[in-house]
Amino acid sequence: MAKNVTDESSEDIVANAKKERAGRRGPFGRIALFIRQVINELKKVVTPTRKELFSYTGVVLAFVVIMMAIVAGLDFVFALGVQYVFGDGPVR
């Protein structure tokens, strides 16, 4: 008996269709599909303007500097703790 399509969810229908199409494609067909999909995705890429690029670069550099300061501070605190526990103890 024929399967009732209305009982399937739309996600199942799409998944079944993709599976059937992939089964019929040869290796070169799958490679060509992949390349077409890559080209379509690359067409969606928007390059930033010069102003946006400098802004993004500044944000990244500021973030890196802040993270370096946090890590350096934690390193200093942990070094003091290790020196206290394993070293000479508190300085008198």
N, C-alpha and C. Protein backbone atom coordinates (compact mmCIF):
# COMPACT_ATOMS: atom_id res chain seq x y z
N MET A 1 0.83 -1.18 0.00
CA MET A 1 0.00 0.00 0.00
C MET A 1 0.88 1.25 0.00
N ALA A 2 0.42 2.32 -0.61
CA ALA A 2 1.19 3.55 -0.71
C ALA A 2 1.28 4.23 0.66
N LYS A 3 2.40 4.86 0.89
CA LYS A 3 2.60 5.55 2.15
C LYS A 3 1.88 6.89 2.10
N ASN A 4 1.22 7.24 3.19
CA ASN A 4 0.50 8.50 3.27
C ASN A 4 1.50 9.61 3.59
N VAL A 5 1.66 10.54 2.68
CA VAL A 5 2.65 11.60 2.83
C VAL A 5 2.25 12.56 3.93
N THR A 6 0.99 12.72 4.18
CA THR A 6 0.55 13.68 5.20
C THR A 6 0.94 13.23 6.60
N ASP A 7 1.26 11.95 6.79
CA ASP A 7 1.65 11.48 8.11
C ASP A 7 3.12 11.79 8.41
N GLU A 8 3.91 12.10 7.39
CA GLU A 8 5.32 12.41 7.58
C GLU A 8 5.51 13.89 7.85
N SER A 9 6.46 14.20 8.75
CA SER A 9 6.76 15.61 8.98
C SER A 9 7.58 16.14 7.80
N SER A 10 7.63 17.44 7.68
CA SER A 10 8.35 18.03 6.56
C SER A 10 9.84 17.73 6.64
N GLU A 11 10.39 17.64 7.87
CA GLU A 11 11.80 17.32 8.02
C GLU A 11 12.09 15.91 7.50
N ASP A 12 11.17 14.98 7.76
CA ASP A 12 11.36 13.61 7.28
C ASP A 12 11.29 13.54 5.76
N ILE A 13 10.39 14.31 5.18
CA ILE A 13 10.26 14.31 3.72
C ILE A 13 11.54 14.83 3.09
N VAL A 14 12.08 15.92 3.63
CA VAL A 14 13.31 16.50 3.09
C VAL A 14 14.47 15.53 3.27
N ALA A 15 14.56 14.91 4.45
CA ALA A 15 15.65 13.98 4.72
C ALA A 15 15.58 12.77 3.78
N ASN A 16 14.38 12.25 3.56
CA ASN A 16 14.22 11.11 2.66
C ASN A 16 14.58 11.48 1.22
N ALA A 17 14.19 12.68 0.79
CA ALA A 17 14.49 13.12 -0.57
C ALA A 17 16.00 13.28 -0.75
N LYS A 18 16.67 13.86 0.26
CA LYS A 18 18.12 14.02 0.16
C LYS A 18 18.82 12.67 0.12
N LYS A 19 18.32 11.73 0.93
CA LYS A 19 18.93 10.41 0.96
C LYS A 19 18.77 9.71 -0.39
N GLU A 20 17.58 9.82 -0.99
CA GLU A 20 17.34 9.18 -2.29
C GLU A 20 18.21 9.80 -3.38
N ARG A 21 18.34 11.16 -3.35
CA ARG A 21 19.17 11.83 -4.35
C ARG A 21 20.64 11.49 -4.17
N ALA A 22 21.10 11.40 -2.93
CA ALA A 22 22.50 11.08 -2.68
C ALA A 22 22.81 9.66 -3.12
N GLY A 23 21.86 8.78 -3.00
CA GLY A 23 22.07 7.40 -3.43
C GLY A 23 22.20 7.28 -4.93
N ARG A 24 21.60 8.17 -5.67
CA ARG A 24 21.65 8.11 -7.13
C ARG A 24 22.85 8.82 -7.71
N ARG A 25 23.52 9.68 -6.95
CA ARG A 25 24.65 10.44 -7.45
C ARG A 25 25.91 9.60 -7.40
N GLY A 26 26.72 9.77 -8.41
CA GLY A 26 28.03 9.12 -8.44
C GLY A 26 29.03 9.98 -7.68
N PRO A 27 30.27 9.52 -7.61
CA PRO A 27 31.27 10.29 -6.87
C PRO A 27 31.56 11.65 -7.50
N PHE A 28 31.56 11.73 -8.83
CA PHE A 28 31.80 13.02 -9.48
C PHE A 28 30.61 13.95 -9.30
N GLY A 29 29.42 13.38 -9.27
CA GLY A 29 28.22 14.19 -9.03
C GLY A 29 28.22 14.79 -7.64
N ARG A 30 28.68 14.00 -6.66
CA ARG A 30 28.74 14.52 -5.29
C ARG A 30 29.80 15.61 -5.16
N ILE A 31 30.93 15.44 -5.86
CA ILE A 31 31.98 16.47 -5.83
C ILE A 31 31.47 17.74 -6.50
N ALA A 32 30.79 17.60 -7.63
CA ALA A 32 30.24 18.77 -8.33
C ALA A 32 29.21 19.48 -7.46
N LEU A 33 28.37 18.71 -6.76
CA LEU A 33 27.38 19.31 -5.86
C LEU A 33 28.07 20.09 -4.75
N PHE A 34 29.11 19.49 -4.18
CA PHE A 34 29.85 20.16 -3.12
C PHE A 34 30.44 21.47 -3.61
N ILE A 35 31.05 21.46 -4.78
CA ILE A 35 31.65 22.68 -5.33
C ILE A 35 30.59 23.74 -5.60
N ARG A 36 29.43 23.33 -6.13
CA ARG A 36 28.34 24.30 -6.35
C ARG A 36 27.87 24.89 -5.03
N GLN A 37 27.77 24.08 -3.99
CA GLN A 37 27.34 24.59 -2.70
C GLN A 37 28.36 25.55 -2.11
N VAL A 38 29.65 25.24 -2.28
CA VAL A 38 30.70 26.13 -1.79
C VAL A 38 30.63 27.47 -2.51
N ILE A 39 30.47 27.43 -3.82
CA ILE A 39 30.38 28.68 -4.58
C ILE A 39 29.16 29.50 -4.16
N ASN A 40 28.03 28.83 -3.95
CA ASN A 40 26.83 29.55 -3.50
C ASN A 40 27.03 30.18 -2.13
N GLU A 41 27.72 29.49 -1.23
CA GLU A 41 27.99 30.06 0.10
C GLU A 41 28.96 31.23 0.00
N LEU A 42 29.96 31.13 -0.88
CA LEU A 42 30.92 32.22 -1.03
C LEU A 42 30.27 33.47 -1.63
N LYS A 43 29.22 33.29 -2.41
CA LYS A 43 28.50 34.46 -2.96
C LYS A 43 27.79 35.23 -1.86
N LYS A 44 27.50 34.58 -0.74
CA LYS A 44 26.80 35.23 0.37
C LYS A 44 27.74 36.04 1.26
N VAL A 45 29.04 35.85 1.12
CA VAL A 45 30.02 36.52 1.98
C VAL A 45 30.07 38.00 1.62
N VAL A 46 30.03 38.83 2.66
CA VAL A 46 30.12 40.27 2.47
C VAL A 46 31.44 40.73 3.07
N THR A 47 32.29 41.37 2.26
CA THR A 47 33.56 41.85 2.77
C THR A 47 33.34 43.16 3.51
N PRO A 48 34.03 43.34 4.65
CA PRO A 48 33.84 44.57 5.42
C PRO A 48 34.49 45.76 4.73
N THR A 49 33.97 46.94 5.04
CA THR A 49 34.59 48.16 4.53
C THR A 49 35.88 48.42 5.30
N ARG A 50 36.64 49.39 4.84
CA ARG A 50 37.91 49.72 5.51
C ARG A 50 37.64 50.16 6.95
N LYS A 51 36.61 50.95 7.15
CA LYS A 51 36.28 51.44 8.49
C LYS A 51 35.88 50.28 9.41
N GLU A 52 35.06 49.38 8.89
CA GLU A 52 34.64 48.22 9.68
C GLU A 52 35.84 47.33 10.02
N LEU A 53 36.74 47.17 9.06
CA LEU A 53 37.91 46.33 9.27
C LEU A 53 38.78 46.87 10.40
N PHE A 54 39.02 48.18 10.40
CA PHE A 54 39.81 48.78 11.48
C PHE A 54 39.08 48.66 12.81
N SER A 55 37.76 48.82 12.79
CA SER A 55 36.98 48.69 14.01
C SER A 55 37.07 47.28 14.57
N TYR A 56 36.89 46.27 13.72
CA TYR A 56 36.97 44.88 14.16
C TYR A 56 38.37 44.55 14.68
N THR A 57 39.39 45.06 13.99
CA THR A 57 40.76 44.81 14.42
C THR A 57 41.02 45.42 15.79
N GLY A 58 40.52 46.62 16.01
CA GLY A 58 40.68 47.27 17.31
C GLY A 58 39.99 46.49 18.43
N VAL A 59 38.81 45.99 18.15
CA VAL A 59 38.09 45.20 19.15
C VAL A 59 38.86 43.94 19.49
N VAL A 60 39.38 43.26 18.49
CA VAL A 60 40.13 42.02 18.73
C VAL A 60 41.40 42.32 19.52
N LEU A 61 42.13 43.36 19.15
CA LEU A 61 43.36 43.69 19.87
C LEU A 61 43.07 44.08 21.32
N ALA A 62 42.01 44.85 21.55
CA ALA A 62 41.64 45.22 22.92
C ALA A 62 41.29 43.97 23.73
N PHE A 63 40.55 43.06 23.15
CA PHE A 63 40.19 41.83 23.84
C PHE A 63 41.44 41.01 24.19
N VAL A 64 42.36 40.92 23.26
CA VAL A 64 43.59 40.15 23.50
C VAL A 64 44.40 40.79 24.62
N VAL A 65 44.50 42.11 24.63
CA VAL A 65 45.26 42.79 25.68
C VAL A 65 44.60 42.57 27.04
N ILE A 66 43.28 42.66 27.10
CA ILE A 66 42.57 42.44 28.36
C ILE A 66 42.77 41.00 28.84
N MET A 67 42.67 40.03 27.94
CA MET A 67 42.86 38.63 28.34
C MET A 67 44.30 38.39 28.80
N MET A 68 45.28 39.04 28.15
CA MET A 68 46.67 38.89 28.58
C MET A 68 46.85 39.45 29.99
N ALA A 69 46.21 40.57 30.29
CA ALA A 69 46.32 41.17 31.62
C ALA A 69 45.69 40.25 32.67
N ILE A 70 44.55 39.64 32.34
CA ILE A 70 43.90 38.72 33.29
C ILE A 70 44.79 37.51 33.55
N VAL A 71 45.33 36.93 32.49
CA VAL A 71 46.18 35.74 32.64
C VAL A 71 47.46 36.10 33.40
N ALA A 72 48.06 37.25 33.11
CA ALA A 72 49.27 37.66 33.82
C ALA A 72 48.97 37.88 35.30
N GLY A 73 47.83 38.49 35.60
CA GLY A 73 47.45 38.70 37.00
C GLY A 73 47.23 37.39 37.74
N LEU A 74 46.53 36.46 37.10
CA LEU A 74 46.32 35.15 37.73
C LEU A 74 47.65 34.42 37.90
N ASP A 75 48.53 34.52 36.93
CA ASP A 75 49.84 33.88 37.03
C ASP A 75 50.61 34.44 38.22
N PHE A 76 50.57 35.74 38.41
CA PHE A 76 51.27 36.37 39.52
C PHE A 76 50.69 35.90 40.85
N VAL A 77 49.35 35.87 40.95
CA VAL A 77 48.69 35.44 42.19
C VAL A 77 49.03 33.98 42.50
N PHE A 78 48.95 33.11 41.50
CA PHE A 78 49.26 31.71 41.72
C PHE A 78 50.75 31.51 42.07
N ALA A 79 51.62 32.30 41.45
CA ALA A 79 53.05 32.21 41.77
C ALA A 79 53.28 32.60 43.23
N LEU A 80 52.61 33.64 43.71
CA LEU A 80 52.73 34.01 45.12
C LEU A 80 52.22 32.89 46.03
N GLY A 81 51.10 32.26 45.62
CA GLY A 81 50.55 31.15 46.42
C GLY A 81 51.48 29.97 46.45
N VAL A 82 52.08 29.62 45.33
CA VAL A 82 53.02 28.49 45.29
C VAL A 82 54.26 28.82 46.10
N GLN A 83 54.73 30.04 45.99
CA GLN A 83 55.90 30.44 46.76
C GLN A 83 55.59 30.41 48.25
N TYR A 84 54.42 30.77 48.63
CA TYR A 84 54.03 30.74 50.05
C TYR A 84 53.97 29.31 50.56
N VAL A 85 53.36 28.41 49.77
CA VAL A 85 53.18 27.02 50.20
C VAL A 85 54.50 26.25 50.15
N PHE A 86 55.24 26.35 49.06
CA PHE A 86 56.43 25.53 48.88
C PHE A 86 57.75 26.29 49.13
N GLY A 87 57.67 27.57 49.25
CA GLY A 87 58.89 28.36 49.37
C GLY A 87 59.19 28.74 50.81
N ASP A 88 59.53 29.97 50.99
CA ASP A 88 59.96 30.47 52.30
C ASP A 88 58.80 30.79 53.22
N GLY A 89 57.59 30.76 52.74
CA GLY A 89 56.45 31.17 53.58
C GLY A 89 56.27 32.67 53.49
N PRO A 90 55.48 33.22 54.39
CA PRO A 90 55.24 34.67 54.31
C PRO A 90 56.51 35.46 54.64
N VAL A 91 56.64 36.58 53.96
CA VAL A 91 57.79 37.43 54.18
C VAL A 91 57.55 38.22 55.45
N ARG A 92 58.56 38.19 56.42
CA ARG A 92 58.38 38.91 57.70
C ARG A 92 59.28 40.08 57.79
